[in-house]
Protein backbone atom coordinates (compact mmCIF):
# COMPACT_ATOMS: atom_id res chain seq x y z
CA MET A 1 32.75 -285.86 87.17
CA THR A 2 31.84 -288.85 89.36
CA GLU A 3 28.45 -290.09 90.36
CA LYS A 4 25.62 -287.57 90.38
CA GLY A 5 27.78 -284.67 89.26
CA ILE A 6 30.31 -284.76 92.10
CA PRO A 7 33.66 -283.38 90.85
CA ARG A 8 36.25 -286.10 90.45
CA ARG A 9 38.97 -284.03 92.16
CA GLU A 10 37.00 -284.18 95.43
CA VAL A 11 36.69 -287.95 95.42
CA THR A 12 40.20 -289.07 96.36
CA ALA A 13 41.45 -291.67 98.79
CA LEU A 14 43.19 -288.96 100.83
CA ASN A 15 40.00 -286.90 101.15
CA ALA A 16 38.11 -290.05 102.08
CA LEU A 17 40.50 -290.71 104.99
CA ARG A 18 40.44 -287.06 106.09
CA GLU A 19 36.78 -286.12 105.72
CA GLY A 20 34.88 -289.38 105.38
CA SER A 21 32.74 -290.99 108.05
CA ALA A 22 33.81 -294.00 110.10
CA ALA A 23 32.25 -296.34 107.53
CA VAL A 24 34.25 -294.70 104.76
CA LYS A 25 37.52 -294.96 106.68
CA LEU A 26 36.84 -298.56 107.61
CA SER A 27 36.41 -299.29 103.90
CA ALA A 28 40.20 -299.33 103.71
CA ALA A 29 40.19 -302.46 105.87
CA VAL A 30 36.80 -303.92 104.93
CA TRP A 31 36.40 -303.29 101.23
CA GLY A 32 32.93 -302.27 100.15
CA LEU A 33 31.72 -301.43 103.68
CA GLY A 34 30.97 -297.82 102.78
CA CYS A 35 29.07 -298.94 99.67
CA LEU A 36 27.01 -301.46 101.66
CA VAL A 37 26.11 -298.80 104.23
CA ARG A 38 24.91 -296.53 101.39
CA LYS A 39 22.87 -299.42 99.90
CA GLN A 40 25.17 -300.05 96.93
CA PHE A 41 24.95 -303.76 97.57
CA VAL A 42 26.29 -305.10 94.25
CA LYS A 43 29.42 -302.94 94.28
CA GLY A 44 29.95 -303.50 97.98
CA LEU A 45 29.65 -307.27 97.72
CA ALA A 46 31.95 -307.33 94.69
CA LEU A 47 34.65 -305.43 96.61
CA LEU A 48 34.16 -307.65 99.66
CA LEU A 49 34.50 -310.83 97.57
CA ALA A 50 37.64 -309.45 95.95
CA GLU A 51 39.16 -308.85 99.38
CA ALA A 52 38.20 -312.34 100.53
CA ALA A 53 39.77 -313.88 97.41
CA ILE A 54 43.06 -311.98 97.92
CA ILE A 55 43.20 -312.90 101.63
CA LEU A 56 42.53 -316.55 100.79
CA TYR A 57 45.27 -316.55 98.17
CA MET A 58 47.77 -314.93 100.52
CA VAL A 59 47.00 -317.38 103.33
CA GLU A 60 47.10 -320.44 101.08
CA SER A 61 50.20 -319.65 99.04
CA GLY A 62 51.00 -315.94 98.89
CA PHE A 63 52.99 -315.63 102.12
CA TYR A 64 54.81 -318.88 101.32
CA ASN A 65 55.75 -317.52 97.88
CA LEU A 66 57.08 -314.29 99.39
CA GLY A 67 59.12 -316.23 101.93
CA LYS A 68 60.67 -318.40 99.23
CA LEU A 69 61.32 -315.35 97.03
CA VAL A 70 63.96 -314.14 99.49
CA THR A 71 66.23 -317.15 98.92
CA LEU A 72 64.78 -318.58 95.66
CA GLY A 73 64.77 -321.99 97.36
CA ASP A 74 67.43 -324.03 99.10
CA VAL A 75 66.25 -327.66 98.90
CA GLU A 76 67.99 -329.62 96.16
CA GLN A 77 66.64 -332.69 94.41
CA GLN A 78 67.21 -335.76 96.58
CA LYS A 79 67.88 -339.39 95.70
CA ILE A 80 66.31 -341.81 98.18
CA TRP A 81 66.68 -345.60 98.23
CA ASN A 82 63.34 -347.45 98.18
CA GLU A 83 63.78 -350.81 99.93
CA ALA A 84 60.45 -352.16 98.76
CA LYS A 85 61.15 -351.44 95.09
CA SER A 86 64.94 -351.93 95.35
CA LEU A 87 65.70 -348.75 93.43
CA PHE A 88 66.50 -345.12 93.91
CA GLU A 89 63.65 -342.61 93.76
CA TYR A 90 64.13 -338.94 93.06
CA VAL A 91 62.28 -336.41 95.20
CA ASP A 92 61.89 -332.98 93.66
CA GLY A 93 63.41 -330.08 95.52
CA ASP A 94 62.87 -326.37 95.07
CA ARG A 95 62.69 -324.98 91.56
CA SER A 96 63.96 -321.42 91.64
CA LEU A 97 62.36 -320.47 88.31
CA VAL A 98 58.89 -321.38 89.58
CA ILE A 99 59.55 -319.66 92.90
CA LEU A 100 60.60 -316.48 91.11
CA LEU A 101 57.52 -316.57 88.87
CA TYR A 102 55.07 -317.15 91.73
CA GLY A 103 56.83 -314.52 93.82
CA ILE A 104 56.39 -311.89 91.12
CA ILE A 105 52.73 -312.88 90.72
CA THR A 106 52.25 -312.52 94.48
CA LEU A 107 53.83 -309.05 94.43
CA ALA A 108 51.46 -308.14 91.60
CA VAL A 109 48.53 -309.36 93.71
CA LEU A 110 49.70 -307.18 96.61
CA LEU A 111 49.94 -304.18 94.29
CA ALA A 112 46.42 -304.93 93.07
CA ALA A 113 45.29 -305.06 96.72
CA VAL A 114 46.71 -301.57 97.31
CA LEU A 115 44.86 -300.27 94.26
CA MET A 116 41.67 -301.96 95.44
CA VAL A 117 41.98 -300.18 98.81
CA ARG A 118 42.03 -296.92 96.87
CA VAL A 119 39.00 -298.00 94.83
CA SER A 120 37.12 -298.99 97.99
CA LEU A 121 37.83 -295.66 99.69
CA ARG A 122 36.89 -293.60 96.65
CA SER A 123 33.68 -295.57 96.03
CA ALA A 124 32.61 -295.26 99.66
CA TYR A 125 33.39 -291.53 99.78
CA ALA A 126 31.62 -290.85 96.47
CA ALA A 127 28.53 -292.67 97.71
CA GLU A 128 28.61 -290.69 100.96
CA LEU A 129 28.93 -287.33 99.17
CA ALA A 130 26.07 -288.30 96.86
CA CYS A 131 23.87 -289.09 99.84
CA ARG A 132 24.74 -285.79 101.49
CA ARG A 133 24.05 -283.65 98.42
CA LYS A 134 21.48 -285.60 96.42
CA GLY A 135 19.79 -287.79 98.99
CA ARG A 136 20.95 -291.19 97.68
CA ALA A 137 23.89 -292.92 96.04
CA LEU A 138 23.98 -293.77 92.36
CA PRO A 139 22.09 -297.05 91.68
CA PHE A 140 23.95 -300.02 90.23
CA ARG A 141 22.05 -299.88 86.95
CA ALA A 142 22.99 -296.23 86.48
CA GLU A 143 26.66 -297.09 87.07
CA VAL A 144 26.48 -299.86 84.46
CA ARG A 145 24.89 -297.45 81.97
CA ALA A 146 27.66 -294.95 82.69
CA LEU A 147 30.24 -297.56 81.68
CA PHE A 148 28.79 -297.40 78.18
CA ASP A 149 28.32 -293.65 78.15
CA GLY A 150 30.43 -291.18 80.13
CA ASN A 151 32.90 -293.85 81.29
CA LEU A 152 33.07 -295.69 77.97
CA HIS A 153 36.84 -295.13 77.82
CA LYS A 154 37.25 -297.25 80.96
CA THR A 155 35.23 -300.07 79.46
CA LEU A 156 37.14 -300.04 76.17
CA LEU A 157 40.56 -299.78 77.80
CA PHE A 158 40.07 -302.44 80.47
CA LEU A 159 40.95 -305.48 78.36
CA PRO A 160 43.90 -303.85 76.51
CA VAL A 161 45.40 -302.58 79.78
CA ALA A 162 44.88 -305.95 81.45
CA GLY A 163 46.54 -307.67 78.48
CA ILE A 164 49.54 -305.31 78.62
CA LEU A 165 49.94 -305.92 82.34
CA MET A 166 49.78 -309.72 82.04
CA PHE A 167 51.64 -310.31 78.79
CA THR A 168 54.08 -307.38 78.70
CA ILE A 169 54.74 -305.85 82.13
CA LEU A 170 54.88 -309.11 84.14
CA PRO A 171 57.24 -310.85 81.67
CA LEU A 172 59.46 -307.74 81.68
CA LEU A 173 59.58 -307.81 85.48
CA PHE A 174 60.38 -311.52 85.38
CA MET A 175 63.24 -310.96 82.93
CA THR A 176 64.50 -308.00 84.95
CA CYS A 177 64.62 -310.07 88.13
CA MET A 178 66.43 -312.86 86.28
CA ALA A 179 69.28 -310.44 85.54
CA PHE A 180 70.05 -310.29 89.27
CA THR A 181 70.41 -314.06 89.64
CA ASN A 182 72.99 -316.64 88.55
CA TYR A 183 70.45 -318.60 86.45
CA SER A 184 72.88 -320.20 84.03
CA VAL A 185 74.39 -323.47 82.90
CA ILE A 186 77.60 -322.38 84.64
CA ASN A 187 78.05 -324.32 87.90
CA ASP A 188 74.78 -326.16 87.14
CA LYS A 189 72.46 -323.33 88.23
CA LEU A 190 69.58 -324.22 85.92
CA VAL A 191 67.26 -325.65 88.60
CA LEU A 192 68.35 -324.01 91.84
CA PHE A 193 69.87 -320.54 91.59
CA ASP A 194 70.44 -317.57 93.86
CA TRP A 195 70.32 -313.79 93.96
CA VAL A 196 73.69 -312.27 93.00
CA GLY A 197 72.88 -308.56 92.94
CA LEU A 198 74.73 -306.46 90.36
CA SER A 199 77.50 -308.97 89.67
CA ASN A 200 76.13 -309.81 86.21
CA PHE A 201 76.19 -306.14 85.23
CA SER A 202 79.75 -305.72 86.49
CA ARG A 203 80.83 -308.82 84.53
CA MET A 204 79.23 -307.42 81.41
CA LEU A 205 80.80 -303.97 81.73
CA ASN A 206 84.24 -305.20 82.79
CA LEU A 207 86.58 -304.81 79.83
CA GLY A 208 89.02 -307.29 81.34
CA GLY A 209 86.51 -310.14 81.60
CA ASP A 210 85.38 -312.61 78.96
CA LEU A 211 81.90 -311.11 78.70
CA GLY A 212 83.17 -307.53 78.65
CA ARG A 213 85.61 -308.25 75.82
CA THR A 214 82.67 -309.56 73.81
CA PHE A 215 80.00 -307.08 74.90
CA TRP A 216 81.72 -303.81 73.96
CA PRO A 217 82.65 -304.79 70.38
CA VAL A 218 79.14 -306.16 69.82
CA LEU A 219 77.62 -302.97 71.26
CA GLY A 220 79.79 -300.79 69.03
CA TRP A 221 78.94 -302.77 65.90
CA THR A 222 75.25 -302.75 66.83
CA PHE A 223 75.08 -298.96 66.94
CA CYS A 224 77.21 -298.60 63.79
CA TRP A 225 74.91 -301.06 62.03
CA ALA A 226 71.79 -299.23 63.22
CA VAL A 227 73.04 -295.84 62.01
CA ILE A 228 74.27 -297.11 58.64
CA ALA A 229 71.23 -299.35 58.03
CA THR A 230 68.78 -296.58 58.96
CA PHE A 231 70.26 -293.70 56.97
CA SER A 232 71.40 -295.74 53.96
CA ASN A 233 67.86 -296.99 53.42
CA TYR A 234 66.44 -293.56 54.13
CA PHE A 235 68.55 -291.50 51.74
CA ILE A 236 68.77 -294.12 49.00
CA GLY A 237 64.99 -294.48 49.12
CA LEU A 238 64.56 -290.70 49.06
CA ILE A 239 66.91 -290.23 46.08
CA LEU A 240 65.29 -293.13 44.23
CA THR A 241 61.85 -291.63 44.81
CA LEU A 242 62.97 -288.24 43.54
CA PHE A 243 64.47 -289.86 40.48
CA ILE A 244 61.31 -291.82 39.67
CA ASN A 245 59.18 -288.69 40.21
CA TRP A 246 61.38 -286.66 37.86
CA LYS A 247 59.34 -285.30 34.98
CA GLU A 248 61.72 -286.65 32.36
CA ILE A 249 61.30 -290.26 33.58
CA ARG A 250 58.72 -292.30 31.71
CA ALA A 251 56.76 -295.35 32.89
CA LYS A 252 56.85 -294.23 36.52
CA LYS A 253 54.32 -296.89 37.59
CA PHE A 254 56.42 -299.63 36.02
CA TRP A 255 59.56 -298.59 37.91
CA ARG A 256 57.67 -298.34 41.17
CA PHE A 257 56.25 -301.81 40.53
CA CYS A 258 59.72 -303.24 39.95
CA PHE A 259 61.09 -301.92 43.22
CA VAL A 260 57.98 -302.63 45.28
CA LEU A 261 57.78 -306.19 43.96
CA THR A 262 60.29 -307.25 46.62
CA VAL A 263 57.78 -306.23 49.30
CA ALA A 264 55.37 -308.90 48.06
CA VAL A 265 57.89 -311.64 48.85
CA PRO A 266 58.11 -312.49 52.59
CA HIS A 267 61.28 -311.18 54.19
CA PHE A 268 62.52 -314.49 55.50
CA VAL A 269 62.20 -316.10 52.06
CA THR A 270 64.24 -313.33 50.43
CA LEU A 271 66.91 -313.48 53.13
CA LEU A 272 67.25 -317.26 52.98
CA ILE A 273 67.57 -317.17 49.18
CA ILE A 274 70.23 -314.45 49.36
CA ARG A 275 72.09 -316.44 51.99
CA GLN A 276 72.26 -319.48 49.70
CA MET A 277 73.32 -317.33 46.75
CA LEU A 278 76.28 -315.88 48.68
CA GLN A 279 77.66 -319.19 49.93
CA PRO A 280 81.12 -320.33 48.62
CA THR A 281 79.29 -322.73 46.29
CA GLY A 282 76.33 -320.40 45.78
CA ALA A 283 75.05 -318.89 42.58
CA VAL A 284 77.02 -315.63 42.83
CA ASN A 285 80.44 -317.23 43.37
CA VAL A 286 79.84 -319.96 40.81
CA LEU A 287 78.74 -317.43 38.19
CA LEU A 288 81.71 -315.15 38.80
CA GLN A 289 84.12 -318.09 38.64
CA ASN A 290 82.57 -319.39 35.43
CA LEU A 291 82.96 -315.93 33.89
CA GLY A 292 86.62 -315.93 34.93
CA LEU A 293 86.25 -312.81 37.07
CA ILE A 294 87.48 -314.49 40.25
CA ASN A 295 89.70 -317.47 40.97
CA ALA A 296 88.43 -318.30 44.47
CA PRO A 297 85.01 -317.82 46.13
CA LEU A 298 84.46 -314.39 47.61
CA PRO A 299 84.36 -314.49 51.46
CA PHE A 300 80.89 -312.99 51.87
CA PHE A 301 80.37 -314.49 55.34
CA THR A 302 83.88 -315.63 56.28
CA ASP A 303 85.70 -312.29 56.39
CA THR A 304 84.64 -309.57 58.84
CA VAL A 305 84.69 -306.64 56.40
CA TRP A 306 82.99 -308.64 53.65
CA ALA A 307 80.36 -309.99 56.03
CA ARG A 308 79.46 -306.59 57.49
CA THR A 309 79.33 -305.01 54.04
CA SER A 310 77.17 -307.88 52.79
CA VAL A 311 74.55 -307.58 55.53
CA ILE A 312 74.37 -303.80 55.03
CA LEU A 313 73.77 -304.24 51.28
CA ILE A 314 71.22 -306.98 51.93
CA ASN A 315 69.37 -304.70 54.34
CA ILE A 316 69.33 -301.97 51.67
CA TRP A 317 67.84 -304.42 49.17
CA VAL A 318 64.98 -305.44 51.46
CA GLY A 319 64.46 -302.04 53.11
CA VAL A 320 64.56 -299.43 50.35
CA PRO A 321 61.19 -300.43 48.77
CA TYR A 322 59.38 -299.59 52.03
CA VAL A 323 61.06 -296.17 52.12
CA LEU A 324 60.16 -295.69 48.45
CA LEU A 325 56.48 -296.20 49.20
CA GLN A 326 56.55 -293.81 52.13
CA MET A 327 58.52 -291.10 50.37
CA THR A 328 56.22 -291.22 47.34
CA GLY A 329 53.28 -290.17 49.50
CA ILE A 330 55.23 -287.54 51.42
CA LEU A 331 56.69 -285.86 48.33
CA GLN A 332 53.26 -285.59 46.77
CA ASN A 333 52.10 -283.57 49.79
CA ILE A 334 54.77 -280.87 49.46
CA PRO A 335 52.99 -277.70 48.24
CA PRO A 336 54.07 -277.06 44.62
CA GLU A 337 53.91 -273.31 45.30
CA LEU A 338 57.14 -273.62 47.30
CA TYR A 339 59.02 -274.94 44.27
CA GLU A 340 57.47 -272.34 41.97
CA ALA A 341 58.52 -269.53 44.30
CA ALA A 342 62.04 -270.99 44.52
CA ARG A 343 62.34 -271.15 40.72
CA VAL A 344 61.25 -267.52 40.44
CA ASP A 345 64.02 -266.63 42.90
CA GLY A 346 66.52 -268.47 40.71
CA ALA A 347 67.09 -271.57 42.87
CA ASN A 348 68.50 -274.63 41.12
CA PRO A 349 67.37 -278.24 41.86
CA VAL A 350 70.17 -278.81 44.38
CA VAL A 351 69.24 -275.72 46.38
CA MET A 352 65.54 -276.65 46.28
CA PHE A 353 66.38 -280.15 47.54
CA PHE A 354 68.34 -278.89 50.56
CA LYS A 355 66.09 -275.93 51.32
CA ILE A 356 62.62 -277.36 50.64
CA THR A 357 62.48 -281.11 50.04
CA LEU A 358 64.90 -282.41 52.67
CA PRO A 359 63.70 -280.18 55.58
CA TYR A 360 60.07 -281.05 54.83
CA VAL A 361 60.76 -284.79 54.57
CA LEU A 362 62.90 -284.84 57.71
CA PHE A 363 60.23 -282.94 59.64
CA VAL A 364 57.53 -285.43 58.67
CA THR A 365 59.61 -288.60 59.00
CA THR A 366 61.55 -287.96 62.23
CA PRO A 367 59.30 -290.34 64.25
CA TYR A 368 59.72 -292.91 61.47
CA LEU A 369 63.52 -292.54 61.63
CA ILE A 370 63.46 -293.11 65.39
CA THR A 371 61.34 -296.26 65.08
CA THR A 372 63.49 -297.49 62.18
CA PHE A 373 66.66 -296.95 64.22
CA THR A 374 65.11 -298.89 67.09
CA GLY A 375 64.03 -301.64 64.72
CA ASN A 376 67.52 -301.91 63.27
CA ILE A 377 69.04 -302.24 66.73
CA ASN A 378 66.78 -305.29 67.12
CA ASN A 379 66.97 -306.40 63.48
CA PHE A 380 67.19 -310.12 64.18
CA ASN A 381 66.07 -311.41 60.79
CA VAL A 382 68.60 -309.76 58.48
CA ILE A 383 71.58 -310.88 60.56
CA PHE A 384 70.45 -314.31 61.73
CA LEU A 385 68.95 -315.49 58.45
CA THR A 386 71.94 -314.39 56.34
CA SER A 387 75.31 -314.31 58.07
CA GLN A 388 74.13 -315.95 61.35
CA GLY A 389 76.61 -313.64 63.05
CA LEU A 390 79.60 -315.10 61.18
CA PRO A 391 82.51 -314.96 61.11
CA ARG A 392 82.78 -315.99 64.75
CA ALA A 393 85.66 -314.67 66.82
CA VAL A 394 87.99 -317.12 68.52
CA GLU A 395 86.86 -318.15 72.03
CA SER A 396 83.80 -315.92 71.85
CA THR A 397 80.07 -316.56 71.97
CA ALA A 398 79.45 -313.77 69.41
CA GLY A 399 80.45 -313.33 65.80
CA SER A 400 81.68 -310.25 63.97
CA THR A 401 78.23 -309.45 62.55
CA ASP A 402 76.23 -310.35 65.66
CA LEU A 403 73.99 -307.63 67.05
CA LEU A 404 73.00 -307.50 70.70
CA ILE A 405 69.72 -309.22 69.84
CA THR A 406 71.33 -312.12 67.97
CA TRP A 407 74.01 -312.47 70.65
CA LEU A 408 71.26 -312.57 73.28
CA TYR A 409 69.60 -315.37 71.30
CA LYS A 410 72.83 -317.38 71.18
CA LEU A 411 73.52 -316.84 74.87
CA THR A 412 70.07 -318.02 75.93
CA ILE A 413 69.18 -320.68 73.35
CA ASP A 414 72.56 -322.12 72.42
CA ASN A 415 74.57 -321.59 75.61
CA ARG A 416 71.82 -321.23 78.26
CA TYR A 417 73.32 -318.15 79.90
CA TYR A 418 69.93 -316.82 80.93
CA ASP A 419 71.22 -314.36 83.53
CA VAL A 420 73.56 -312.64 81.08
CA GLY A 421 70.86 -312.65 78.39
CA ALA A 422 68.53 -310.82 80.76
CA VAL A 423 71.23 -308.22 81.42
CA ILE A 424 71.65 -307.60 77.69
CA GLY A 425 67.88 -307.27 77.28
CA ILE A 426 67.68 -304.69 80.08
CA MET A 427 70.62 -302.65 78.80
CA THR A 428 69.23 -302.67 75.26
CA PHE A 429 65.81 -301.55 76.47
CA VAL A 430 67.18 -298.75 78.66
CA SER A 431 69.59 -297.39 76.04
CA LEU A 432 66.97 -297.46 73.27
CA SER A 433 64.40 -295.76 75.49
CA ILE A 434 66.79 -292.94 76.35
CA VAL A 435 67.95 -292.44 72.76
CA SER A 436 64.40 -292.51 71.36
CA LEU A 437 62.88 -290.18 73.95
CA VAL A 438 65.72 -287.64 73.87
CA THR A 439 65.88 -287.63 70.06
CA PHE A 440 62.16 -287.15 69.65
CA ARG A 441 62.00 -284.57 72.45
CA TYR A 442 64.51 -282.30 70.68
CA SER A 443 63.31 -282.96 67.14
CA GLY A 444 61.43 -280.43 65.05
CA SER A 445 58.46 -282.78 64.82
CA TYR A 446 57.93 -282.35 68.56
CA LYS A 447 59.07 -278.76 69.13
CA ASN A 448 57.45 -277.23 66.05
CA GLU A 449 54.37 -279.33 65.39
CA GLU A 450 52.58 -276.56 63.53
CA GLY A 451 55.60 -275.62 61.43
CA PHE A 452 54.56 -277.13 58.12
CA ARG A 453 50.82 -276.74 58.33
């Protein structure tokens, strides 16, 4: 419902243009006009000031930003001889990064202007309908009170939505646009760069190119890592929880404390300590050599197979305690009557695990598995703080244990290939979104929500 009980479905911008008076229709061009005519002066003036501010911005810099956005600038930095000072002075040219940023902001302002036209039409039409049916439009004070009563959700969501738009959506758009440019250290395109269309994507997907020969192996290892890291933690944590909860096991709290103790230590501290321990001169190799078990240091981070196995085991060490905590709560919620009925029917522990425990746990934890898989795709800490992507392949910007996220970091921070880094970010986002949505859509947690209630 809108003001004074008018149904919300009637108050639309389309109905305002079709059925509204001249003042209502003119509100699309002069924001707030319909409100001012219906004596809603505060709302009308607010809309009018918003329109004036947007027009002023567009005249002062908005149209200039849009014009520059087409070419991303074409004036290079110039060196001019100053006769009076007897030296060369540098005059700044166009900076494509700033032009791109201001251009995106200007497009966002234009989108906001379109939304404000809709708001102006709806407000004017709602005020007109209220005057027709109730004799007068809703006073400003009543509208303010409604923001803390019937429209409280709008008040509470305004700041979070605004924050998401400014600090999430706009940066994503900026990064997406960067993927279609040649913003890179190659050919000195760090200050002045151009639009290149889909060439970065074709370079990335081309198996015959330098980037393609690196991208596909890294992509394959990333998905293998995500699957192994997700399900190894999951099933090891589940089995460990079942073992600790076994009736024959004593001192259950002590064993839980031992495993959960690793959670109390910050992740990065644990990973850095493990990294030092697995170095050629680290504690593990030195101890094994002193015991006479090995003659040379084990290649934890210098051999591809050893390095990948090492990071998987390290991820198990730091990840299983979290699964243990979660599984402990889930297993305690399984109705004991199910197990009693299974025992009466003659089921053994293995059958009860596969018929009762595992289906129940999978049903409850499917969303957790999806988020864990996504987190492992972007698991920067475990890789970067331990192996650092090593061992590095010859003539490649990525190592054998690099994930897409760590390779992106190296491309942007170490090599300053910002255009390619943006492409990797987009492809990672799109692939993860598709996998997550499709998996959850066809999971039992979504299709059979009432199944275990």
